[in-house]
């Protein structure tokens, strides 16, 4: 803690690397394809069924989630696709990145959420 003359005592935080803060290893936070979960930027009109159908062509999809606004229920324009293996996820990311789905080019990245 440090004394701030205007506002009294304030708590100063040490700079902690994000990966260390959540006990993540360097391999899992590097984003180099060590996870089977993909982050997908997509059209606001894409639903989970369409997303699963598109990615199922490239491997065994375990789960699909399109992130929606809690009040309106409308898509926020991104989602996640989880594959049964890292190899399938990497192949799908390579093949699907830039493809058109529901009128928009999608962007696919390996997710760092584990």
PDB file of N, CA and C in Angstrom:
ATOM      1  N   UNK A   1       0.837  -1.188   0.000  1.00  0.00           N
ATOM      2  CA  UNK A   1       0.000   0.000   0.000  1.00  0.00           C
ATOM      3  C   UNK A   1       0.876   1.242   0.000  1.00  0.00           C
ATOM      4  N   UNK A   2       0.359   2.285  -0.567  1.00  0.00           N
ATOM      5  CA  UNK A   2       1.093   3.542  -0.627  1.00  0.00           C
ATOM      6  C   UNK A   2       0.174   4.671  -0.218  1.00  0.00           C
ATOM      7  N   UNK A   3       0.745   5.685   0.336  1.00  0.00           N
ATOM      8  CA  UNK A   3      -0.034   6.835   0.783  1.00  0.00           C
ATOM      9  C   UNK A   3      -0.201   7.799  -0.376  1.00  0.00           C
ATOM     10  N   UNK A   4      -1.421   8.095  -0.707  1.00  0.00           N
ATOM     11  CA  UNK A   4      -1.737   9.085  -1.718  1.00  0.00           C
ATOM     12  C   UNK A   4      -2.254  10.298  -0.965  1.00  0.00           C
ATOM     13  N   UNK A   5      -1.624  11.448  -1.093  1.00  0.00           N
ATOM     14  CA  UNK A   5      -1.961  12.617  -0.281  1.00  0.00           C
ATOM     15  C   UNK A   5      -3.386  13.110  -0.497  1.00  0.00           C
ATOM     16  N   UNK A   6      -3.921  12.946  -1.666  1.00  0.00           N
ATOM     17  CA  UNK A   6      -5.287  13.419  -1.927  1.00  0.00           C
ATOM     18  C   UNK A   6      -6.365  12.452  -1.450  1.00  0.00           C
ATOM     19  N   UNK A   7      -6.144  11.171  -1.639  1.00  0.00           N
ATOM     20  CA  UNK A   7      -7.214  10.206  -1.393  1.00  0.00           C
ATOM     21  C   UNK A   7      -6.903   9.224  -0.280  1.00  0.00           C
ATOM     22  N   UNK A   8      -5.838   9.397   0.457  1.00  0.00           N
ATOM     23  CA  UNK A   8      -5.513   8.468   1.526  1.00  0.00           C
ATOM     24  C   UNK A   8      -4.722   7.289   1.000  1.00  0.00           C
ATOM     25  N   UNK A   9      -4.933   6.132   1.578  1.00  0.00           N
ATOM     26  CA  UNK A   9      -4.178   4.933   1.216  1.00  0.00           C
ATOM     27  C   UNK A   9      -4.741   4.311  -0.051  1.00  0.00           C
ATOM     28  N   UNK A  10      -3.864   3.892  -0.940  1.00  0.00           N
ATOM     29  CA  UNK A  10      -4.277   3.197  -2.154  1.00  0.00           C
ATOM     30  C   UNK A  10      -3.486   1.904  -2.272  1.00  0.00           C
ATOM     31  N   UNK A  11      -4.070   0.959  -2.903  1.00  0.00           N
ATOM     32  CA  UNK A  11      -3.424  -0.333  -3.108  1.00  0.00           C
ATOM     33  C   UNK A  11      -2.749  -0.320  -4.464  1.00  0.00           C
ATOM     34  N   UNK A  12      -1.467  -0.615  -4.491  1.00  0.00           N
ATOM     35  CA  UNK A  12      -0.738  -0.690  -5.755  1.00  0.00           C
ATOM     36  C   UNK A  12      -0.512  -2.148  -6.092  1.00  0.00           C
ATOM     37  N   UNK A  13      -0.832  -2.497  -7.308  1.00  0.00           N
ATOM     38  CA  UNK A  13      -0.696  -3.889  -7.751  1.00  0.00           C
ATOM     39  C   UNK A  13       0.609  -4.065  -8.512  1.00  0.00           C
ATOM     40  N   UNK A  14       1.231  -5.177  -8.290  1.00  0.00           N
ATOM     41  CA  UNK A  14       2.433  -5.510  -9.048  1.00  0.00           C
ATOM     42  C   UNK A  14       2.020  -5.982 -10.435  1.00  0.00           C
ATOM     43  N   UNK A  15       2.874  -5.739 -11.401  1.00  0.00           N
ATOM     44  CA  UNK A  15       2.600  -6.202 -12.767  1.00  0.00           C
ATOM     45  C   UNK A  15       2.832  -7.706 -12.830  1.00  0.00           C
ATOM     46  N   UNK A  16       1.764  -8.446 -13.064  1.00  0.00           N
ATOM     47  CA  UNK A  16       1.834  -9.903 -13.144  1.00  0.00           C
ATOM     48  C   UNK A  16       1.465 -10.302 -14.562  1.00  0.00           C
ATOM     49  N   UNK A  17       2.320 -11.083 -15.231  1.00  0.00           N
ATOM     50  CA  UNK A  17       1.960 -11.538 -16.576  1.00  0.00           C
ATOM     51  C   UNK A  17       0.631 -12.293 -16.561  1.00  0.00           C
ATOM     52  N   UNK A  18      -0.185 -12.062 -17.578  1.00  0.00           N
ATOM     53  CA  UNK A  18      -1.514 -12.647 -17.642  1.00  0.00           C
ATOM     54  C   UNK A  18      -1.492 -14.163 -17.480  1.00  0.00           C
ATOM     55  N   UNK A  19      -0.578 -14.842 -18.154  1.00  0.00           N
ATOM     56  CA  UNK A  19      -0.495 -16.305 -18.072  1.00  0.00           C
ATOM     57  C   UNK A  19      -0.204 -16.784 -16.666  1.00  0.00           C
ATOM     58  N   UNK A  20       0.634 -16.075 -15.936  1.00  0.00           N
ATOM     59  CA  UNK A  20       0.965 -16.456 -14.565  1.00  0.00           C
ATOM     60  C   UNK A  20      -0.209 -16.214 -13.629  1.00  0.00           C
ATOM     61  N   UNK A  21      -0.996 -15.190 -13.918  1.00  0.00           N
ATOM     62  CA  UNK A  21      -2.132 -14.857 -13.083  1.00  0.00           C
ATOM     63  C   UNK A  21      -3.135 -16.001 -13.013  1.00  0.00           C
ATOM     64  N   UNK A  22      -3.300 -16.717 -14.099  1.00  0.00           N
ATOM     65  CA  UNK A  22      -4.264 -17.810 -14.154  1.00  0.00           C
ATOM     66  C   UNK A  22      -3.603 -19.180 -14.189  1.00  0.00           C
ATOM     67  N   UNK A  23      -2.326 -19.250 -13.826  1.00  0.00           N
ATOM     68  CA  UNK A  23      -1.574 -20.507 -13.767  1.00  0.00           C
ATOM     69  C   UNK A  23      -1.619 -21.282 -15.072  1.00  0.00           C
ATOM     70  N   UNK A  24      -1.516 -20.586 -16.173  1.00  0.00           N
ATOM     71  CA  UNK A  24      -1.508 -21.240 -17.479  1.00  0.00           C
ATOM     72  C   UNK A  24      -0.069 -21.442 -17.903  1.00  0.00           C
ATOM     73  N   UNK A  25       0.195 -22.564 -18.510  1.00  0.00           N
ATOM     74  CA  UNK A  25       1.547 -22.835 -18.971  1.00  0.00           C
ATOM     75  C   UNK A  25       1.819 -22.062 -20.248  1.00  0.00           C
ATOM     76  N   UNK A  26       3.081 -21.908 -20.562  1.00  0.00           N
ATOM     77  CA  UNK A  26       3.455 -21.186 -21.780  1.00  0.00           C
ATOM     78  C   UNK A  26       2.889 -21.881 -23.007  1.00  0.00           C
ATOM     79  N   UNK A  27       2.831 -23.204 -23.009  1.00  0.00           N
ATOM     80  CA  UNK A  27       2.323 -23.936 -24.167  1.00  0.00           C
ATOM     81  C   UNK A  27       0.847 -23.668 -24.382  1.00  0.00           C
ATOM     82  N   UNK A  28       0.061 -23.593 -23.313  1.00  0.00           N
ATOM     83  CA  UNK A  28      -1.377 -23.416 -23.494  1.00  0.00           C
ATOM     84  C   UNK A  28      -1.752 -21.985 -23.796  1.00  0.00           C
ATOM     85  N   UNK A  29      -0.890 -21.031 -23.505  1.00  0.00           N
ATOM     86  CA  UNK A  29      -1.242 -19.645 -23.764  1.00  0.00           C
ATOM     87  C   UNK A  29      -0.550 -19.081 -24.996  1.00  0.00           C
ATOM     88  N   UNK A  30       0.191 -19.900 -25.694  1.00  0.00           N
ATOM     89  CA  UNK A  30       0.941 -19.400 -26.841  1.00  0.00           C
ATOM     90  C   UNK A  30       0.076 -19.204 -28.075  1.00  0.00           C
ATOM     91  N   UNK A  31      -1.062 -19.906 -28.163  1.00  0.00           N
ATOM     92  CA  UNK A  31      -1.938 -19.766 -29.314  1.00  0.00           C
ATOM     93  C   UNK A  31      -1.387 -20.432 -30.565  1.00  0.00           C
ATOM     94  N   UNK A  32      -0.526 -21.415 -30.414  1.00  0.00           N
ATOM     95  CA  UNK A  32       0.104 -22.044 -31.566  1.00  0.00           C
ATOM     96  C   UNK A  32      -0.594 -23.329 -31.983  1.00  0.00           C
ATOM     97  N   UNK A  33      -1.837 -23.544 -31.594  1.00  0.00           N
ATOM     98  CA  UNK A  33      -2.540 -24.723 -32.041  1.00  0.00           C
ATOM     99  C   UNK A  33      -2.502 -25.854 -31.045  1.00  0.00           C
ATOM    100  N   UNK A  34      -2.243 -25.571 -29.782  1.00  0.00           N
ATOM    101  CA  UNK A  34      -2.165 -26.626 -28.790  1.00  0.00           C
ATOM    102  C   UNK A  34      -3.516 -26.856 -28.128  1.00  0.00           C
ATOM    103  N   UNK A  35      -4.568 -26.360 -28.715  1.00  0.00           N
ATOM    104  CA  UNK A  35      -5.896 -26.581 -28.183  1.00  0.00           C
ATOM    105  C   UNK A  35      -6.807 -27.051 -29.307  1.00  0.00           C
ATOM    106  N   UNK A  36      -7.872 -27.705 -28.952  1.00  0.00           N
ATOM    107  CA  UNK A  36      -8.807 -28.163 -29.973  1.00  0.00           C
ATOM    108  C   UNK A  36      -9.998 -27.217 -30.101  1.00  0.00           C
ATOM    109  N   UNK A  37      -9.958 -26.078 -29.420  1.00  0.00           N
ATOM    110  CA  UNK A  37     -11.038 -25.097 -29.489  1.00  0.00           C
ATOM    111  C   UNK A  37     -10.627 -23.965 -30.430  1.00  0.00           C
ATOM    112  N   UNK A  38     -11.544 -23.610 -31.332  1.00  0.00           N
ATOM    113  CA  UNK A  38     -11.302 -22.539 -32.293  1.00  0.00           C
ATOM    114  C   UNK A  38     -12.202 -21.352 -32.000  1.00  0.00           C
ATOM    115  N   UNK A  39     -11.660 -20.163 -32.132  1.00  0.00           N
ATOM    116  CA  UNK A  39     -12.424 -18.926 -32.068  1.00  0.00           C
ATOM    117  C   UNK A  39     -12.803 -18.579 -33.500  1.00  0.00           C
ATOM    118  N   UNK A  40     -14.084 -18.288 -33.740  1.00  0.00           N
ATOM    119  CA  UNK A  40     -14.554 -18.035 -35.101  1.00  0.00           C
ATOM    120  C   UNK A  40     -15.287 -16.702 -35.145  1.00  0.00           C
ATOM    121  N   UNK A  41     -14.766 -15.772 -35.941  1.00  0.00           N
ATOM    122  CA  UNK A  41     -15.480 -14.530 -36.228  1.00  0.00           C
ATOM    123  C   UNK A  41     -16.421 -14.806 -37.378  1.00  0.00           C
ATOM    124  N   UNK A  42     -17.710 -14.491 -37.189  1.00  0.00           N
ATOM    125  CA  UNK A  42     -18.700 -14.901 -38.175  1.00  0.00           C
ATOM    126  C   UNK A  42     -19.778 -13.860 -38.359  1.00  0.00           C
ATOM    127  N   UNK A  43     -20.696 -14.146 -39.242  1.00  0.00           N
ATOM    128  CA  UNK A  43     -21.821 -13.267 -39.531  1.00  0.00           C
ATOM    129  C   UNK A  43     -22.754 -13.198 -38.327  1.00  0.00           C
ATOM    130  N   UNK A  44     -23.409 -12.069 -38.169  1.00  0.00           N
ATOM    131  CA  UNK A  44     -24.385 -11.919 -37.089  1.00  0.00           C
ATOM    132  C   UNK A  44     -25.610 -12.798 -37.310  1.00  0.00           C
ATOM    133  N   UNK A  45     -25.767 -13.310 -38.540  1.00  0.00           N
ATOM    134  CA  UNK A  45     -26.909 -14.160 -38.867  1.00  0.00           C
ATOM    135  C   UNK A  45     -26.626 -15.643 -38.672  1.00  0.00           C
ATOM    136  N   UNK A  46     -25.389 -16.024 -38.392  1.00  0.00           N
ATOM    137  CA  UNK A  46     -25.032 -17.436 -38.260  1.00  0.00           C
ATOM    138  C   UNK A  46     -25.493 -17.990 -36.916  1.00  0.00           C
ATOM    139  N   UNK A  47     -26.151 -19.144 -36.951  1.00  0.00           N
ATOM    140  CA  UNK A  47     -26.571 -19.797 -35.711  1.00  0.00           C
ATOM    141  C   UNK A  47     -25.690 -21.017 -35.460  1.00  0.00           C
ATOM    142  N   UNK A  48     -25.898 -21.673 -34.333  1.00  0.00           N
ATOM    143  CA  UNK A  48     -25.053 -22.807 -33.950  1.00  0.00           C
ATOM    144  C   UNK A  48     -25.183 -23.987 -34.899  1.00  0.00           C
ATOM    145  N   UNK A  49     -26.354 -24.212 -35.430  1.00  0.00           N
ATOM    146  CA  UNK A  49     -26.563 -25.322 -36.362  1.00  0.00           C
ATOM    147  C   UNK A  49     -25.752 -25.121 -37.638  1.00  0.00           C
ATOM    148  N   UNK A  50     -25.808 -23.918 -38.198  1.00  0.00           N
ATOM    149  CA  UNK A  50     -25.060 -23.632 -39.427  1.00  0.00           C
ATOM    150  C   UNK A  50     -23.558 -23.708 -39.179  1.00  0.00           C
ATOM    151  N   UNK A  51     -23.117 -23.229 -38.022  1.00  0.00           N
ATOM    152  CA  UNK A  51     -21.700 -23.265 -37.684  1.00  0.00           C
ATOM    153  C   UNK A  51     -21.213 -24.704 -37.543  1.00  0.00           C
ATOM    154  N   UNK A  52     -22.003 -25.534 -36.872  1.00  0.00           N
ATOM    155  CA  UNK A  52     -21.633 -26.942 -36.701  1.00  0.00           C
ATOM    156  C   UNK A  52     -21.613 -27.663 -38.047  1.00  0.00           C
ATOM    157  N   UNK A  53     -22.600 -27.416 -38.881  1.00  0.00           N
ATOM    158  CA  UNK A  53     -22.640 -28.063 -40.193  1.00  0.00           C
ATOM    159  C   UNK A  53     -21.419 -27.699 -41.028  1.00  0.00           C
ATOM    160  N   UNK A  54     -21.004 -26.450 -40.979  1.00  0.00           N
ATOM    161  CA  UNK A  54     -19.863 -26.009 -41.775  1.00  0.00           C
ATOM    162  C   UNK A  54     -18.559 -26.648 -41.293  1.00  0.00           C
ATOM    163  N   UNK A  55     -18.358 -26.733 -39.987  1.00  0.00           N
ATOM    164  CA  UNK A  55     -17.103 -27.250 -39.453  1.00  0.00           C
ATOM    165  C   UNK A  55     -17.071 -28.771 -39.341  1.00  0.00           C
ATOM    166  N   UNK A  56     -18.223 -29.423 -39.324  1.00  0.00           N
ATOM    167  CA  UNK A  56     -18.266 -30.883 -39.218  1.00  0.00           C
ATOM    168  C   UNK A  56     -17.660 -31.575 -40.435  1.00  0.00           C
ATOM    169  N   UNK A  57     -17.552 -30.879 -41.534  1.00  0.00           N
ATOM    170  CA  UNK A  57     -16.943 -31.434 -42.740  1.00  0.00           C
ATOM    171  C   UNK A  57     -15.455 -31.707 -42.546  1.00  0.00           C
ATOM    172  N   UNK A  58     -14.846 -31.086 -41.531  1.00  0.00           N
ATOM    173  CA  UNK A  58     -13.399 -31.151 -41.349  1.00  0.00           C
ATOM    174  C   UNK A  58     -12.962 -31.921 -40.104  1.00  0.00           C
ATOM    175  N   UNK A  59     -13.905 -32.575 -39.424  1.00  0.00           N
ATOM    176  CA  UNK A  59     -13.542 -33.358 -38.247  1.00  0.00           C
ATOM    177  C   UNK A  59     -14.721 -33.528 -37.305  1.00  0.00           C
ATOM    178  N   UNK A  60     -14.461 -34.240 -36.210  1.00  0.00           N
ATOM    179  CA  UNK A  60     -15.503 -34.519 -35.218  1.00  0.00           C
ATOM    180  C   UNK A  60     -15.670 -33.321 -34.284  1.00  0.00           C
ATOM    181  N   UNK A  61     -16.792 -32.635 -34.424  1.00  0.00           N
ATOM    182  CA  UNK A  61     -17.080 -31.459 -33.604  1.00  0.00           C
ATOM    183  C   UNK A  61     -17.709 -31.919 -32.298  1.00  0.00           C
ATOM    184  N   UNK A  62     -17.118 -31.495 -31.185  1.00  0.00           N
ATOM    185  CA  UNK A  62     -17.638 -31.848 -29.858  1.00  0.00           C
ATOM    186  C   UNK A  62     -18.696 -30.857 -29.415  1.00  0.00           C
ATOM    187  N   UNK A  63     -18.408 -29.559 -29.594  1.00  0.00           N
ATOM    188  CA  UNK A  63     -19.376 -28.546 -29.185  1.00  0.00           C
ATOM    189  C   UNK A  63     -19.236 -27.295 -30.041  1.00  0.00           C
ATOM    190  N   UNK A  64     -20.330 -26.549 -30.119  1.00  0.00           N
ATOM    191  CA  UNK A  64     -20.379 -25.295 -30.856  1.00  0.00           C
ATOM    192  C   UNK A  64     -21.107 -24.287 -29.986  1.00  0.00           C
ATOM    193  N   UNK A  65     -20.586 -23.064 -29.935  1.00  0.00           N
ATOM    194  CA  UNK A  65     -21.240 -22.008 -29.160  1.00  0.00           C
ATOM    195  C   UNK A  65     -21.140 -20.705 -29.926  1.00  0.00           C
ATOM    196  N   UNK A  66     -22.287 -20.108 -30.280  1.00  0.00           N
ATOM    197  CA  UNK A  66     -22.332 -18.772 -30.840  1.00  0.00           C
ATOM    198  C   UNK A  66     -22.651 -17.849 -29.667  1.00  0.00           C
ATOM    199  N   UNK A  67     -21.809 -16.864 -29.442  1.00  0.00           N
ATOM    200  CA  UNK A  67     -21.988 -15.965 -28.302  1.00  0.00           C
ATOM    201  C   UNK A  67     -23.041 -14.929 -28.653  1.00  0.00           C
ATOM    202  N   UNK A  68     -24.050 -14.816 -27.776  1.00  0.00           N
ATOM    203  CA  UNK A  68     -25.177 -13.913 -28.010  1.00  0.00           C
ATOM    204  C   UNK A  68     -25.301 -12.900 -26.881  1.00  0.00           C
ATOM    205  N   UNK A  69     -25.910 -11.765 -27.201  1.00  0.00           N
ATOM    206  CA  UNK A  69     -26.174 -10.733 -26.206  1.00  0.00           C
ATOM    207  C   UNK A  69     -27.194 -11.262 -25.199  1.00  0.00           C
ATOM    208  N   UNK A  70     -26.972 -11.072 -23.908  1.00  0.00           N
ATOM    209  CA  UNK A  70     -27.872 -11.671 -22.909  1.00  0.00           C
ATOM    210  C   UNK A  70     -29.295 -11.124 -22.926  1.00  0.00           C
ATOM    211  N   UNK A  71     -29.477  -9.882 -23.327  1.00  0.00           N
ATOM    212  CA  UNK A  71     -30.812  -9.296 -23.316  1.00  0.00           C
ATOM    213  C   UNK A  71     -31.552  -9.524 -24.628  1.00  0.00           C
ATOM    214  N   UNK A  72     -30.886  -9.224 -25.740  1.00  0.00           N
ATOM    215  CA  UNK A  72     -31.558  -9.308 -27.040  1.00  0.00           C
ATOM    216  C   UNK A  72     -31.520 -10.698 -27.639  1.00  0.00           C
ATOM    217  N   UNK A  73     -30.534 -11.503 -27.249  1.00  0.00           N
ATOM    218  CA  UNK A  73     -30.393 -12.835 -27.813  1.00  0.00           C
ATOM    219  C   UNK A  73     -29.771 -12.851 -29.191  1.00  0.00           C
ATOM    220  N   UNK A  74     -29.363 -11.685 -29.706  1.00  0.00           N
ATOM    221  CA  UNK A  74     -28.744 -11.611 -31.022  1.00  0.00           C
ATOM    222  C   UNK A  74     -27.265 -11.963 -30.937  1.00  0.00           C
ATOM    223  N   UNK A  75     -26.760 -12.553 -31.995  1.00  0.00           N
ATOM    224  CA  UNK A  75     -25.355 -12.942 -32.061  1.00  0.00           C
ATOM    225  C   UNK A  75     -24.453 -11.724 -31.933  1.00  0.00           C
ATOM    226  N   UNK A  76     -23.323 -11.913 -31.255  1.00  0.00           N
ATOM    227  CA  UNK A  76     -22.322 -10.855 -31.150  1.00  0.00           C
ATOM    228  C   UNK A  76     -21.299 -10.945 -32.283  1.00  0.00           C
ATOM    229  N   UNK A  77     -21.461 -11.907 -33.177  1.00  0.00           N
ATOM    230  CA  UNK A  77     -20.588 -12.005 -34.336  1.00  0.00           C
ATOM    231  C   UNK A  77     -19.362 -12.884 -34.135  1.00  0.00           C
ATOM    232  N   UNK A  78     -19.388 -13.707 -33.098  1.00  0.00           N
ATOM    233  CA  UNK A  78     -18.298 -14.658 -32.910  1.00  0.00           C
ATOM    234  C   UNK A  78     -18.787 -15.858 -32.136  1.00  0.00           C
ATOM    235  N   UNK A  79     -17.987 -16.919 -32.190  1.00  0.00           N
ATOM    236  CA  UNK A  79     -18.345 -18.142 -31.490  1.00  0.00           C
ATOM    237  C   UNK A  79     -17.138 -19.044 -31.346  1.00  0.00           C
ATOM    238  N   UNK A  80     -17.380 -20.241 -30.823  1.00  0.00           N
ATOM    239  CA  UNK A  80     -16.322 -21.214 -30.577  1.00  0.00           C
ATOM    240  C   UNK A  80     -16.741 -22.575 -31.108  1.00  0.00           C
ATOM    241  N   UNK A  81     -15.784 -23.296 -31.674  1.00  0.00           N
ATOM    242  CA  UNK A  81     -16.003 -24.660 -32.150  1.00  0.00           C
ATOM    243  C   UNK A  81     -14.926 -25.523 -31.517  1.00  0.00           C
ATOM    244  N   UNK A  82     -15.338 -26.605 -30.840  1.00  0.00           N
ATOM    245  CA  UNK A  82     -14.388 -27.508 -30.191  1.00  0.00           C
ATOM    246  C   UNK A  82     -14.374 -28.836 -30.928  1.00  0.00           C
ATOM    247  N   UNK A  83     -13.174 -29.275 -31.287  1.00  0.00           N
ATOM    248  CA  UNK A  83     -12.981 -30.542 -31.993  1.00  0.00           C
ATOM    249  C   UNK A  83     -12.480 -31.606 -31.033  1.00  0.00           C
ATOM    250  N   UNK A  84     -12.569 -32.860 -31.467  1.00  0.00           N
ATOM    251  CA  UNK A  84     -12.133 -33.970 -30.624  1.00  0.00           C
ATOM    252  C   UNK A  84     -10.616 -34.092 -30.570  1.00  0.00           C
ATOM    253  N   UNK A  85      -9.909 -33.474 -31.513  1.00  0.00           N
ATOM    254  CA  UNK A  85      -8.441 -33.536 -31.483  1.00  0.00           C
ATOM    255  C   UNK A  85      -7.842 -32.229 -31.969  1.00  0.00           C
ATOM    256  N   UNK A  86      -6.605 -32.006 -31.589  1.00  0.00           N
ATOM    257  CA  UNK A  86      -5.882 -30.807 -32.007  1.00  0.00           C
ATOM    258  C   UNK A  86      -5.614 -30.816 -33.506  1.00  0.00           C
ATOM    259  N   UNK A  87      -5.338 -31.987 -34.053  1.00  0.00           N
ATOM    260  CA  UNK A  87      -5.061 -32.089 -35.487  1.00  0.00           C
ATOM    261  C   UNK A  87      -6.277 -31.706 -36.322  1.00  0.00           C
ATOM    262  N   UNK A  88      -7.461 -32.180 -35.908  1.00  0.00           N
ATOM    263  CA  UNK A  88      -8.685 -31.828 -36.627  1.00  0.00           C
ATOM    264  C   UNK A  88      -8.962 -30.336 -36.528  1.00  0.00           C
ATOM    265  N   UNK A  89      -8.726 -29.760 -35.358  1.00  0.00           N
ATOM    266  CA  UNK A  89      -8.937 -28.324 -35.166  1.00  0.00           C
ATOM    267  C   UNK A  89      -7.997 -27.520 -36.059  1.00  0.00           C
ATOM    268  N   UNK A  90      -6.739 -27.933 -36.122  1.00  0.00           N
ATOM    269  CA  UNK A  90      -5.761 -27.220 -36.951  1.00  0.00           C
ATOM    270  C   UNK A  90      -6.131 -27.315 -38.430  1.00  0.00           C
ATOM    271  N   UNK A  91      -6.555 -28.493 -38.869  1.00  0.00           N
ATOM    272  CA  UNK A  91      -6.945 -28.673 -40.269  1.00  0.00           C
ATOM    273  C   UNK A  91      -8.182 -27.834 -40.598  1.00  0.00           C
ATOM    274  N   UNK A  92      -9.151 -27.825 -39.706  1.00  0.00           N
ATOM    275  CA  UNK A  92     -10.368 -27.037 -39.933  1.00  0.00           C
ATOM    276  C   UNK A  92     -10.059 -25.547 -39.943  1.00  0.00           C
ATOM    277  N   UNK A  93      -9.193 -25.099 -39.057  1.00  0.00           N
ATOM    278  CA  UNK A  93      -8.821 -23.684 -39.013  1.00  0.00           C
ATOM    279  C   UNK A  93      -8.174 -23.275 -40.326  1.00  0.00           C
ATOM    280  N   UNK A  94      -7.296 -24.122 -40.839  1.00  0.00           N
ATOM    281  CA  UNK A  94      -6.601 -23.826 -42.090  1.00  0.00           C
ATOM    282  C   UNK A  94      -7.578 -23.791 -43.268  1.00  0.00           C
ATOM    283  N   UNK A  95      -8.491 -24.758 -43.322  1.00  0.00           N
ATOM    284  CA  UNK A  95      -9.411 -24.862 -44.454  1.00  0.00           C
ATOM    285  C   UNK A  95     -10.549 -23.846 -44.398  1.00  0.00           C
ATOM    286  N   UNK A  96     -11.034 -23.520 -43.197  1.00  0.00           N
ATOM    287  CA  UNK A  96     -12.209 -22.666 -43.079  1.00  0.00           C
ATOM    288  C   UNK A  96     -11.899 -21.168 -43.004  1.00  0.00           C
ATOM    289  N   UNK A  97     -10.684 -20.805 -42.654  1.00  0.00           N
ATOM    290  CA  UNK A  97     -10.343 -19.388 -42.536  1.00  0.00           C
ATOM    291  C   UNK A  97     -10.515 -18.693 -43.879  1.00  0.00           C
ATOM    292  N   UNK A  98     -11.353 -17.673 -43.911  1.00  0.00           N
ATOM    293  CA  UNK A  98     -11.615 -16.933 -45.137  1.00  0.00           C
ATOM    294  C   UNK A  98     -12.780 -17.447 -45.955  1.00  0.00           C
ATOM    295  N   UNK A  99     -13.325 -18.612 -45.609  1.00  0.00           N
ATOM    296  CA  UNK A  99     -14.496 -19.143 -46.320  1.00  0.00           C
ATOM    297  C   UNK A  99     -15.723 -18.273 -46.031  1.00  0.00           C
ATOM    298  N   UNK A 100     -16.685 -18.311 -46.923  1.00  0.00           N
ATOM    299  CA  UNK A 100     -17.907 -17.532 -46.757  1.00  0.00           C
ATOM    300  C   UNK A 100     -18.969 -18.393 -46.080  1.00  0.00           C
ATOM    301  N   UNK A 101     -19.547 -17.846 -45.007  1.00  0.00           N
ATOM    302  CA  UNK A 101     -20.640 -18.501 -44.292  1.00  0.00           C
ATOM    303  C   UNK A 101     -21.684 -17.454 -43.983  1.00  0.00           C
ATOM    304  N   UNK A 102     -22.899 -17.655 -44.438  1.00  0.00           N
ATOM    305  CA  UNK A 102     -24.000 -16.703 -44.266  1.00  0.00           C
ATOM    306  C   UNK A 102     -23.644 -15.306 -44.766  1.00  0.00           C
ATOM    307  N   UNK A 103     -22.970 -15.252 -45.920  1.00  0.00           N
ATOM    308  CA  UNK A 103     -22.689 -13.984 -46.573  1.00  0.00           C
ATOM    309  C   UNK A 103     -21.490 -13.215 -46.046  1.00  0.00           C
ATOM    310  N   UNK A 104     -20.679 -13.816 -45.182  1.00  0.00           N
ATOM    311  CA  UNK A 104     -19.517 -13.112 -44.640  1.00  0.00           C
ATOM    312  C   UNK A 104     -18.311 -14.048 -44.581  1.00  0.00           C
ATOM    313  N   UNK A 105     -17.140 -13.506 -44.901  1.00  0.00           N
ATOM    314  CA  UNK A 105     -15.910 -14.275 -44.734  1.00  0.00           C
ATOM    315  C   UNK A 105     -15.674 -14.478 -43.245  1.00  0.00           C
ATOM    316  N   UNK A 106     -15.464 -15.722 -42.852  1.00  0.00           N
ATOM    317  CA  UNK A 106     -15.217 -15.988 -41.438  1.00  0.00           C
ATOM    318  C   UNK A 106     -13.717 -15.987 -41.170  1.00  0.00           C
ATOM    319  N   UNK A 107     -13.358 -15.681 -39.951  1.00  0.00           N
ATOM    320  CA  UNK A 107     -11.969 -15.695 -39.488  1.00  0.00           C
ATOM    321  C   UNK A 107     -11.853 -16.725 -38.386  1.00  0.00           C
ATOM    322  N   UNK A 108     -10.860 -17.579 -38.493  1.00  0.00           N
ATOM    323  CA  UNK A 108     -10.703 -18.677 -37.542  1.00  0.00           C
ATOM    324  C   UNK A 108      -9.326 -18.575 -36.889  1.00  0.00           C
ATOM    325  N   UNK A 109      -9.308 -18.656 -35.556  1.00  0.00           N
ATOM    326  CA  UNK A 109      -8.073 -18.628 -34.775  1.00  0.00           C
ATOM    327  C   UNK A 109      -8.166 -19.683 -33.683  1.00  0.00           C
ATOM    328  N   UNK A 110      -7.012 -20.181 -33.257  1.00  0.00           N
ATOM    329  CA  UNK A 110      -7.009 -21.086 -32.114  1.00  0.00           C
ATOM    330  C   UNK A 110      -7.350 -20.281 -30.873  1.00  0.00           C
ATOM    331  N   UNK A 111      -8.257 -20.806 -30.079  1.00  0.00           N
ATOM    332  CA  UNK A 111      -8.684 -20.110 -28.861  1.00  0.00           C
ATOM    333  C   UNK A 111      -7.669 -20.341 -27.764  1.00  0.00           C
ATOM    334  N   UNK A 112      -7.473 -19.336 -26.928  1.00  0.00           N
ATOM    335  CA  UNK A 112      -6.579 -19.463 -25.771  1.00  0.00           C
ATOM    336  C   UNK A 112      -7.354 -19.750 -24.492  1.00  0.00           C
ATOM    337  N   UNK A 113      -8.630 -20.096 -24.623  1.00  0.00           N
ATOM    338  CA  UNK A 113      -9.430 -20.337 -23.432  1.00  0.00           C
ATOM    339  C   UNK A 113      -9.326 -21.761 -22.933  1.00  0.00           C
ATOM    340  N   UNK A 114      -8.613 -22.603 -23.631  1.00  0.00           N
ATOM    341  CA  UNK A 114      -8.389 -23.980 -23.163  1.00  0.00           C
ATOM    342  C   UNK A 114      -9.340 -24.926 -23.612  1.00  0.00           C
TER     343      UNK A 114
END
